[in-house]
């Protein structure tokens, strides 16, 4: 603990702890006890953590293993957005967003109308983001559960690590509607509710996967009331902020309020700020679509959207890798670059080829080769489209790359007048056309 004076009558109190000591729910409990002691109030005896440890040790596990194995029966492809180094060491970024008040109210109303929770609605939206990001229609992500069972006396006021992270599986078919998706999530939640004590590593073992997911969505609805900690002697707690660390490459924390508050942690070597803005934009789009017409098929909502909300918005000043100036080639080289690769015949094709090679990390790209056959995935597609939009001053959606994955077809889809490469004037290294 550290108390830092920032002005004559202002201080900042900093509390740092390892997660194994206490979880997020414990934080307001601990702060309440600290300030009660500061005010001279006598504290009651602490609820012993041993009660929870004893309860957990006595839980039945055989049925729990069967239930989790049933939930993930037929789940073939783990939902992974990051590299295989599962501990996530390296630089991380943090971004915060707010869901507009109108959308936040609509989410609460949808939850009430479907007799479910706001958390379930948010999970449904996040599942759609993962499907859009990975191209999979059977996805999984982690969800944090409080782990404070009602049968453990005093669990609500216990300080310690009680939470658990459990997997959530979501499957969407062409016929699935919002109401179908919410019912699916609610049914699975009820089916697994009594078995959320099973450790995540054991869930992985019984499902036959080393990893089921590498993203986590957390709805933090535990109370954090700064005013309740303030005293009558002039001491006022003006703000409480919390910073924590997830090892996953992508973690979203949602905090309730008049405007839903979203905090995103991400690996900076996997995502950049524009990627995260696009993901959250897509998340909010899903919330709007779900609340506008819960009976509409989710696939039709995507089709009507046309992908325009999926494109990573970047300005020309963004720190994108500079594209090298196109080097003119002769007409005889248009058909083949000498290595069996069809060479670009236009300036646009040459720029697209340069972007493909840079994003995919390959030495050569033929104009008729598919971006995805060369190893591209949804995340790489986002980066490629961002670079294309910046280099050519266009507004492509990510979905266009799925529809036209080769350099030649994508150049045709751009629909712009292009010059043969050997007729192009000089182009600056910054890609100014």
Protein backbone atom coordinates (compact mmCIF):
# COMPACT_ATOMS: atom_id res chain seq x y z
CA UNK A 1 0.00 0.00 0.00
CA UNK A 2 1.17 3.54 -0.72
CA UNK A 3 -0.34 6.93 0.16
CA UNK A 4 0.82 9.67 -2.22
CA UNK A 5 0.17 13.36 -1.56
CA UNK A 6 -0.75 15.08 -4.85
CA UNK A 7 -1.86 18.45 -3.40
CA UNK A 8 -2.32 20.08 0.01
CA UNK A 9 -5.62 18.34 0.62
CA UNK A 10 -5.54 15.58 -2.00
CA UNK A 11 -4.00 12.12 -1.88
CA UNK A 12 -3.90 9.01 -3.98
CA UNK A 13 -4.08 5.67 -2.20
CA UNK A 14 -2.49 2.86 -4.21
CA UNK A 15 -3.18 -0.77 -3.36
CA UNK A 16 -1.32 -3.47 -5.28
CA UNK A 17 -2.02 -7.19 -4.91
CA UNK A 18 -1.46 -10.48 -6.63
CA UNK A 19 -4.65 -12.02 -7.97
CA UNK A 20 -4.17 -15.16 -5.91
CA UNK A 21 -4.73 -13.05 -2.78
CA UNK A 22 -8.08 -11.55 -3.72
CA UNK A 23 -10.44 -11.20 -6.67
CA UNK A 24 -12.35 -8.19 -7.99
CA UNK A 25 -15.39 -8.80 -5.77
CA UNK A 26 -13.09 -8.71 -2.75
CA UNK A 27 -11.74 -5.25 -3.56
CA UNK A 28 -14.68 -3.13 -2.34
CA UNK A 29 -14.91 -5.36 0.75
CA UNK A 30 -11.25 -4.76 1.57
CA UNK A 31 -11.50 -1.03 0.88
CA UNK A 32 -14.57 -0.82 3.11
CA UNK A 33 -12.64 -2.44 5.95
CA UNK A 34 -9.61 -0.19 5.42
CA UNK A 35 -11.60 3.02 5.58
CA UNK A 36 -13.77 1.77 8.44
CA UNK A 37 -10.55 1.24 10.38
CA UNK A 38 -9.37 4.71 9.38
CA UNK A 39 -12.56 6.17 10.80
CA UNK A 40 -12.02 4.24 14.05
CA UNK A 41 -14.89 1.79 13.55
CA UNK A 42 -14.64 -1.64 15.10
CA UNK A 43 -14.57 -4.39 12.48
CA UNK A 44 -16.43 -7.68 12.86
CA UNK A 45 -14.48 -10.91 12.63
CA UNK A 46 -13.52 -11.71 9.06
CA UNK A 47 -15.30 -14.57 7.33
CA UNK A 48 -12.61 -17.27 7.04
CA UNK A 49 -11.58 -18.18 3.51
CA UNK A 50 -11.20 -21.76 4.74
CA UNK A 51 -15.01 -22.13 4.46
CA UNK A 52 -14.81 -21.71 0.71
CA UNK A 53 -11.73 -23.92 0.38
CA UNK A 54 -13.49 -26.67 2.36
CA UNK A 55 -16.63 -26.33 0.25
CA UNK A 56 -14.61 -26.48 -2.97
CA UNK A 57 -12.67 -29.56 -1.85
CA UNK A 58 -15.92 -31.37 -1.12
CA UNK A 59 -17.61 -30.65 -4.46
CA UNK A 60 -18.58 -33.60 -6.66
CA UNK A 61 -16.51 -33.69 -9.86
CA UNK A 62 -17.61 -36.77 -11.80
CA UNK A 63 -20.92 -35.29 -12.96
CA UNK A 64 -19.26 -31.93 -13.59
CA UNK A 65 -16.77 -33.56 -15.96
CA UNK A 66 -19.61 -35.30 -17.80
CA UNK A 67 -21.58 -32.06 -18.17
CA UNK A 68 -18.66 -30.07 -19.58
CA UNK A 69 -17.79 -32.92 -21.93
CA UNK A 70 -21.39 -32.87 -23.20
CA UNK A 71 -21.36 -29.10 -23.70
CA UNK A 72 -18.29 -29.34 -25.93
CA UNK A 73 -19.17 -32.53 -27.77
CA UNK A 74 -18.30 -32.07 -31.44
CA UNK A 75 -16.34 -28.86 -30.85
CA UNK A 76 -13.51 -29.36 -33.29
CA UNK A 77 -11.71 -26.02 -33.67
CA UNK A 78 -10.64 -23.93 -30.67
CA UNK A 79 -11.36 -20.22 -31.04
CA UNK A 80 -7.92 -18.62 -31.05
CA UNK A 81 -7.00 -15.13 -32.21
CA UNK A 82 -3.42 -14.97 -30.96
CA UNK A 83 -0.13 -16.85 -31.32
CA UNK A 84 0.52 -20.16 -29.55
CA UNK A 85 2.60 -18.64 -26.70
CA UNK A 86 -0.22 -18.97 -24.24
CA UNK A 87 1.31 -16.93 -21.40
CA UNK A 88 1.01 -13.71 -23.40
CA UNK A 89 4.27 -12.10 -22.37
CA UNK A 90 5.07 -8.83 -24.08
CA UNK A 91 3.72 -5.32 -24.46
CA UNK A 92 0.02 -4.84 -23.86
CA UNK A 93 -2.38 -2.07 -24.74
CA UNK A 94 -5.52 -0.84 -22.99
CA UNK A 95 -8.45 1.02 -24.53
CA UNK A 96 -11.75 2.22 -23.07
CA UNK A 97 -15.10 2.77 -24.78
CA UNK A 98 -18.64 3.69 -23.76
CA UNK A 99 -21.84 2.24 -25.16
CA UNK A 100 -24.35 5.09 -25.69
CA UNK A 101 -27.05 5.42 -23.04
CA UNK A 102 -29.83 4.60 -25.50
CA UNK A 103 -28.17 1.33 -26.53
CA UNK A 104 -27.39 0.50 -22.90
CA UNK A 105 -31.06 0.91 -21.99
CA UNK A 106 -32.09 -1.20 -24.98
CA UNK A 107 -29.76 -3.99 -23.86
CA UNK A 108 -31.33 -3.97 -20.38
CA UNK A 109 -34.82 -4.02 -21.88
CA UNK A 110 -33.95 -6.92 -24.17
CA UNK A 111 -32.59 -8.85 -21.18
CA UNK A 112 -35.81 -8.22 -19.21
CA UNK A 113 -38.06 -9.16 -22.11
CA UNK A 114 -36.23 -12.46 -22.59
CA UNK A 115 -36.05 -13.20 -18.83
CA UNK A 116 -32.27 -13.28 -18.92
CA UNK A 117 -29.40 -11.07 -17.80
CA UNK A 118 -27.49 -8.18 -19.33
CA UNK A 119 -24.41 -10.38 -19.15
CA UNK A 120 -26.08 -12.95 -21.42
CA UNK A 121 -26.98 -10.29 -23.99
CA UNK A 122 -23.40 -8.99 -23.98
CA UNK A 123 -22.03 -12.51 -24.37
CA UNK A 124 -24.28 -13.02 -27.40
CA UNK A 125 -22.86 -9.88 -28.99
CA UNK A 126 -19.28 -10.92 -28.21
CA UNK A 127 -19.86 -14.34 -29.77
CA UNK A 128 -20.89 -12.59 -33.00
CA UNK A 129 -17.71 -10.50 -32.93
CA UNK A 130 -15.63 -13.66 -32.58
CA UNK A 131 -17.47 -15.29 -35.48
CA UNK A 132 -16.85 -12.22 -37.62
CA UNK A 133 -13.20 -12.15 -36.56
CA UNK A 134 -12.39 -15.84 -36.98
CA UNK A 135 -14.84 -16.95 -39.67
CA UNK A 136 -15.98 -19.80 -37.38
CA UNK A 137 -19.65 -20.37 -36.58
CA UNK A 138 -18.98 -22.55 -33.55
CA UNK A 139 -16.93 -20.47 -31.13
CA UNK A 140 -15.85 -20.43 -27.51
CA UNK A 141 -14.60 -17.75 -25.16
CA UNK A 142 -13.86 -17.45 -21.47
CA UNK A 143 -16.27 -15.96 -18.94
CA UNK A 144 -15.46 -15.13 -15.34
CA UNK A 145 -17.90 -16.37 -12.68
CA UNK A 146 -17.96 -15.07 -9.11
CA UNK A 147 -17.64 -18.48 -7.45
CA UNK A 148 -19.46 -17.28 -4.32
CA UNK A 149 -22.00 -20.02 -3.61
CA UNK A 150 -25.05 -19.21 -1.54
CA UNK A 151 -24.55 -22.34 0.56
CA UNK A 152 -21.26 -21.00 1.93
CA UNK A 153 -22.23 -18.74 4.84
CA UNK A 154 -20.70 -15.28 4.51
CA UNK A 155 -19.38 -15.85 0.97
CA UNK A 156 -20.64 -12.43 -0.10
CA UNK A 157 -18.29 -10.71 2.37
CA UNK A 158 -15.32 -13.03 2.06
CA UNK A 159 -11.92 -11.73 0.90
CA UNK A 160 -9.92 -14.07 -1.28
CA UNK A 161 -9.76 -15.65 -4.72
CA UNK A 162 -13.14 -17.27 -5.40
CA UNK A 163 -13.68 -16.57 -9.11
CA UNK A 164 -13.27 -19.11 -11.86
CA UNK A 165 -12.98 -18.77 -15.62
CA UNK A 166 -15.23 -21.15 -17.53
CA UNK A 167 -15.72 -21.59 -21.28
CA UNK A 168 -18.84 -20.42 -23.11
CA UNK A 169 -19.72 -22.16 -26.37
CA UNK A 170 -21.95 -20.52 -28.98
CA UNK A 171 -23.15 -21.94 -32.28
CA UNK A 172 -24.89 -19.82 -34.92
CA UNK A 173 -26.58 -21.26 -38.01
CA UNK A 174 -28.06 -19.32 -40.96
CA UNK A 175 -31.46 -19.54 -39.26
CA UNK A 176 -30.41 -18.38 -35.77
CA UNK A 177 -32.13 -15.26 -34.43
CA UNK A 178 -31.24 -13.11 -31.45
CA UNK A 179 -33.92 -14.79 -29.35
CA UNK A 180 -32.58 -18.21 -30.38
CA UNK A 181 -29.06 -17.19 -29.40
CA UNK A 182 -30.12 -15.82 -26.02
CA UNK A 183 -32.13 -18.96 -25.32
CA UNK A 184 -29.10 -21.08 -26.28
CA UNK A 185 -26.82 -19.18 -23.91
CA UNK A 186 -29.36 -19.23 -21.10
CA UNK A 187 -29.95 -22.97 -21.48
CA UNK A 188 -26.22 -23.74 -21.42
CA UNK A 189 -25.74 -21.47 -18.40
CA UNK A 190 -28.43 -23.30 -16.44
CA UNK A 191 -26.96 -26.65 -17.52
CA UNK A 192 -23.48 -25.76 -16.26
CA UNK A 193 -24.36 -23.51 -13.30
CA UNK A 194 -23.87 -26.20 -10.68
CA UNK A 195 -20.58 -27.22 -12.25
CA UNK A 196 -18.77 -23.91 -12.59
CA UNK A 197 -16.47 -24.90 -9.75
CA UNK A 198 -14.55 -27.30 -11.97
CA UNK A 199 -11.09 -25.90 -12.71
CA UNK A 200 -10.50 -24.66 -16.25
CA UNK A 201 -7.50 -26.96 -16.78
CA UNK A 202 -9.72 -29.92 -15.90
CA UNK A 203 -12.45 -28.71 -18.27
CA UNK A 204 -9.83 -28.57 -21.01
CA UNK A 205 -8.72 -32.09 -20.19
CA UNK A 206 -12.20 -33.64 -20.33
CA UNK A 207 -13.03 -31.86 -23.61
CA UNK A 208 -9.84 -33.14 -25.24
CA UNK A 209 -8.40 -29.71 -26.04
CA UNK A 210 -5.24 -28.08 -24.73
CA UNK A 211 -7.02 -24.75 -25.23
CA UNK A 212 -10.62 -23.94 -26.09
CA UNK A 213 -10.24 -20.17 -26.38
CA UNK A 214 -7.84 -17.28 -25.93
CA UNK A 215 -10.29 -14.41 -25.46
CA UNK A 216 -12.25 -13.62 -22.32
CA UNK A 217 -15.34 -11.49 -21.71
CA UNK A 218 -15.95 -10.28 -18.16
CA UNK A 219 -19.08 -8.56 -16.82
CA UNK A 220 -18.01 -6.86 -13.60
CA UNK A 221 -21.21 -6.18 -11.71
CA UNK A 222 -19.78 -6.12 -8.22
CA UNK A 223 -20.45 -2.89 -6.27
CA UNK A 224 -17.80 -0.14 -6.23
CA UNK A 225 -19.35 2.91 -4.61
CA UNK A 226 -16.81 5.63 -3.86
CA UNK A 227 -19.38 7.73 -1.99
CA UNK A 228 -20.04 4.89 0.45
CA UNK A 229 -16.40 5.00 1.54
CA UNK A 230 -16.41 8.75 2.22
CA UNK A 231 -16.50 9.93 5.83
CA UNK A 232 -18.31 12.69 7.70
CA UNK A 233 -15.09 14.46 8.69
CA UNK A 234 -14.41 15.97 5.30
CA UNK A 235 -12.66 12.98 3.77
CA UNK A 236 -14.20 12.33 0.37
CA UNK A 237 -13.33 9.43 -1.94
CA UNK A 238 -13.71 11.01 -5.36
CA UNK A 239 -12.77 8.13 -7.66
CA UNK A 240 -11.89 4.45 -7.66
CA UNK A 241 -9.97 2.99 -10.59
CA UNK A 242 -8.80 -0.57 -11.08
CA UNK A 243 -6.02 -1.89 -13.29
CA UNK A 244 -5.43 -5.58 -13.71
CA UNK A 245 -3.67 -7.95 -16.06
CA UNK A 246 -4.95 -10.77 -18.24
CA UNK A 247 -2.56 -13.10 -20.02
CA UNK A 248 -5.01 -13.61 -22.89
CA UNK A 249 -4.31 -11.70 -26.12
CA UNK A 250 -7.78 -10.13 -25.93
CA UNK A 251 -9.90 -9.46 -22.85
CA UNK A 252 -12.99 -7.26 -22.58
CA UNK A 253 -14.32 -6.02 -19.25
CA UNK A 254 -17.84 -4.56 -19.20
CA UNK A 255 -18.93 -2.37 -16.29
CA UNK A 256 -22.60 -1.45 -15.79
CA UNK A 257 -23.82 2.13 -15.62
CA UNK A 258 -25.99 4.61 -17.49
CA UNK A 259 -23.53 4.04 -20.29
CA UNK A 260 -21.97 0.61 -20.42
CA UNK A 261 -18.23 1.02 -19.87
CA UNK A 262 -15.92 -1.25 -21.86
CA UNK A 263 -12.26 -1.78 -21.04
CA UNK A 264 -10.21 -3.77 -23.54
CA UNK A 265 -6.82 -5.32 -22.83
CA UNK A 266 -4.91 -6.58 -25.83
CA UNK A 267 -1.52 -7.80 -26.90
CA UNK A 268 0.13 -5.01 -28.84
CA UNK A 269 1.93 -7.49 -31.10
CA UNK A 270 -1.37 -9.05 -32.12
CA UNK A 271 -3.73 -6.05 -32.27
CA UNK A 272 -3.23 -2.34 -32.69
CA UNK A 273 -5.50 0.52 -31.64
CA UNK A 274 -7.36 0.57 -34.97
CA UNK A 275 -8.05 -3.18 -34.69
CA UNK A 276 -9.57 -2.70 -31.25
CA UNK A 277 -11.70 0.25 -32.39
CA UNK A 278 -13.05 -1.94 -35.18
CA UNK A 279 -13.81 -4.82 -32.81
CA UNK A 280 -15.69 -2.59 -30.39
CA UNK A 281 -17.53 -0.91 -33.25
CA UNK A 282 -18.59 -4.35 -34.42
CA UNK A 283 -19.62 -5.24 -30.87
CA UNK A 284 -21.81 -2.15 -30.59
CA UNK A 285 -23.27 -2.83 -34.03
CA UNK A 286 -24.26 -6.31 -32.84
CA UNK A 287 -25.96 -4.81 -29.76
CA UNK A 288 -27.94 -2.36 -31.90
CA UNK A 289 -28.97 -5.08 -34.34
CA UNK A 290 -30.02 -7.46 -31.56
CA UNK A 291 -32.09 -4.88 -29.71
CA UNK A 292 -33.70 -3.42 -32.83
CA UNK A 293 -35.25 -6.70 -34.01
CA UNK A 294 -34.60 -9.77 -31.84
CA UNK A 295 -36.57 -11.97 -34.26
CA UNK A 296 -34.40 -11.20 -37.29
CA UNK A 297 -31.90 -13.82 -38.35
CA UNK A 298 -28.38 -12.86 -37.37
CA UNK A 299 -27.04 -13.88 -40.79
CA UNK A 300 -29.48 -11.53 -42.54
CA UNK A 301 -28.38 -8.69 -40.29
CA UNK A 302 -24.81 -9.22 -41.42
CA UNK A 303 -25.87 -9.32 -45.04
CA UNK A 304 -27.80 -6.07 -44.77
CA UNK A 305 -24.89 -4.44 -43.01
CA UNK A 306 -22.71 -5.17 -46.00
CA UNK A 307 -19.63 -5.14 -43.82
CA UNK A 308 -19.29 -1.37 -43.84
CA UNK A 309 -18.97 -1.25 -40.08
CA UNK A 310 -16.26 -3.89 -40.13
CA UNK A 311 -13.57 -1.89 -41.85
CA UNK A 312 -10.72 -0.60 -39.71
CA UNK A 313 -10.96 3.19 -39.90
CA UNK A 314 -7.56 4.76 -40.35
CA UNK A 315 -6.47 8.23 -41.31
CA UNK A 316 -3.60 8.99 -43.63
CA UNK A 317 -1.60 10.08 -40.59
CA UNK A 318 -1.85 6.72 -38.83
CA UNK A 319 1.41 4.93 -38.20
CA UNK A 320 1.03 2.30 -40.88
CA UNK A 321 4.15 0.70 -42.35
CA UNK A 322 5.14 2.80 -45.33
CA UNK A 323 4.57 1.00 -48.61
CA UNK A 324 7.63 0.97 -50.88
CA UNK A 325 7.41 2.93 -54.08
CA UNK A 326 6.34 0.71 -56.99
CA UNK A 327 9.20 -0.19 -59.26
CA UNK A 328 8.35 -0.11 -62.93
CA UNK A 329 8.57 -3.38 -64.82
CA UNK A 330 8.56 -3.93 -68.52
CA UNK A 331 5.59 -5.21 -70.47
CA UNK A 332 7.38 -8.50 -71.03
CA UNK A 333 7.39 -9.07 -67.27
CA UNK A 334 3.66 -8.60 -66.85
CA UNK A 335 2.78 -12.22 -67.37
CA UNK A 336 5.51 -13.83 -65.29
CA UNK A 337 8.17 -12.57 -62.94
CA UNK A 338 10.58 -15.28 -63.95
CA UNK A 339 9.81 -17.51 -60.99
CA UNK A 340 6.46 -18.85 -62.09
CA UNK A 341 4.47 -16.10 -60.36
CA UNK A 342 2.10 -14.00 -62.50
CA UNK A 343 3.35 -10.45 -62.06
CA UNK A 344 1.19 -7.36 -61.44
CA UNK A 345 0.14 -5.57 -64.62
CA UNK A 346 -1.12 -2.33 -63.07
CA UNK A 347 -0.09 0.08 -60.37
CA UNK A 348 -2.96 -0.99 -58.13
CA UNK A 349 -2.04 -4.66 -58.54
CA UNK A 350 1.55 -3.84 -57.65
CA UNK A 351 0.51 -1.95 -54.50
CA UNK A 352 -1.83 -4.77 -53.50
CA UNK A 353 0.95 -7.32 -54.07
CA UNK A 354 3.28 -5.32 -51.85
CA UNK A 355 0.68 -5.14 -49.08
CA UNK A 356 -0.07 -8.87 -49.33
CA UNK A 357 3.60 -9.82 -49.01
CA UNK A 358 4.12 -7.48 -46.06
CA UNK A 359 1.02 -8.53 -44.11
CA UNK A 360 1.46 -12.25 -44.79
CA UNK A 361 5.25 -12.25 -44.35
CA UNK A 362 5.89 -14.06 -47.63
CA UNK A 363 8.48 -13.34 -50.31
CA UNK A 364 6.22 -13.44 -53.36
CA UNK A 365 2.55 -13.28 -54.21
CA UNK A 366 1.06 -14.14 -57.58
CA UNK A 367 -1.82 -11.94 -58.71
CA UNK A 368 -4.16 -14.95 -58.88
CA UNK A 369 -3.25 -16.46 -55.52
CA UNK A 370 -5.80 -16.28 -52.72
CA UNK A 371 -4.90 -14.20 -49.67
CA UNK A 372 -6.24 -16.98 -47.44
CA UNK A 373 -4.51 -19.83 -49.28
CA UNK A 374 -1.26 -18.00 -48.54
CA UNK A 375 -1.94 -18.17 -44.80
CA UNK A 376 -4.15 -15.14 -44.25
CA UNK A 377 -6.85 -15.15 -41.59
CA UNK A 378 -9.52 -12.69 -40.47
CA UNK A 379 -7.12 -10.63 -38.39
CA UNK A 380 -4.59 -10.44 -41.23
CA UNK A 381 -7.45 -9.42 -43.53
CA UNK A 382 -8.27 -6.52 -41.23
CA UNK A 383 -4.68 -5.31 -41.38
CA UNK A 384 -4.44 -5.75 -45.12
CA UNK A 385 -7.65 -3.80 -45.78
CA UNK A 386 -6.50 -1.04 -43.42
CA UNK A 387 -3.24 -0.73 -45.37
CA UNK A 388 -5.10 -0.78 -48.72
CA UNK A 389 -7.52 1.92 -47.59
CA UNK A 390 -4.63 4.09 -46.43
CA UNK A 391 -2.52 3.54 -49.56
CA UNK A 392 -5.32 3.97 -52.10
CA UNK A 393 -7.59 6.33 -50.15
CA UNK A 394 -10.48 3.88 -50.43
CA UNK A 395 -13.13 2.66 -48.01
CA UNK A 396 -13.11 -1.09 -48.50
CA UNK A 397 -14.88 -3.35 -46.05
CA UNK A 398 -13.09 -6.40 -44.71
CA UNK A 399 -15.73 -8.60 -46.35
CA UNK A 400 -14.55 -7.51 -49.80
CA UNK A 401 -11.29 -9.38 -49.27
CA UNK A 402 -13.24 -12.57 -48.57
CA UNK A 403 -15.24 -12.07 -51.77
CA UNK A 404 -12.20 -11.14 -53.88
CA UNK A 405 -9.18 -12.72 -52.19
CA UNK A 406 -6.66 -12.49 -55.06
CA UNK A 407 -4.77 -9.39 -56.13
CA UNK A 408 -6.32 -9.49 -59.60
CA UNK A 409 -9.91 -9.87 -58.42
CA UNK A 410 -9.52 -7.30 -55.65
CA UNK A 411 -8.04 -4.83 -58.13
CA UNK A 412 -11.07 -5.36 -60.35
CA UNK A 413 -13.42 -4.85 -57.42
CA UNK A 414 -11.80 -1.51 -56.64
CA UNK A 415 -13.37 -0.29 -59.87
CA UNK A 416 -10.86 2.52 -60.32
CA UNK A 417 -8.97 3.56 -63.45
CA UNK A 418 -5.55 1.95 -63.34
CA UNK A 419 -2.49 2.39 -65.50
CA UNK A 420 -0.19 -0.28 -66.87
CA UNK A 421 2.83 -0.34 -64.59
CA UNK A 422 5.26 0.80 -67.30
CA UNK A 423 3.13 3.94 -67.91
CA UNK A 424 2.93 5.06 -64.28
CA UNK A 425 4.63 8.27 -63.19
CA UNK A 426 6.85 8.28 -60.12
CA UNK A 427 5.13 7.50 -56.83
CA UNK A 428 6.43 8.75 -53.50
CA UNK A 429 7.45 6.25 -50.79
CA UNK A 430 4.48 7.38 -48.73
CA UNK A 431 2.16 5.99 -51.35
CA UNK A 432 0.61 9.33 -52.38
CA UNK A 433 -1.36 8.69 -55.52
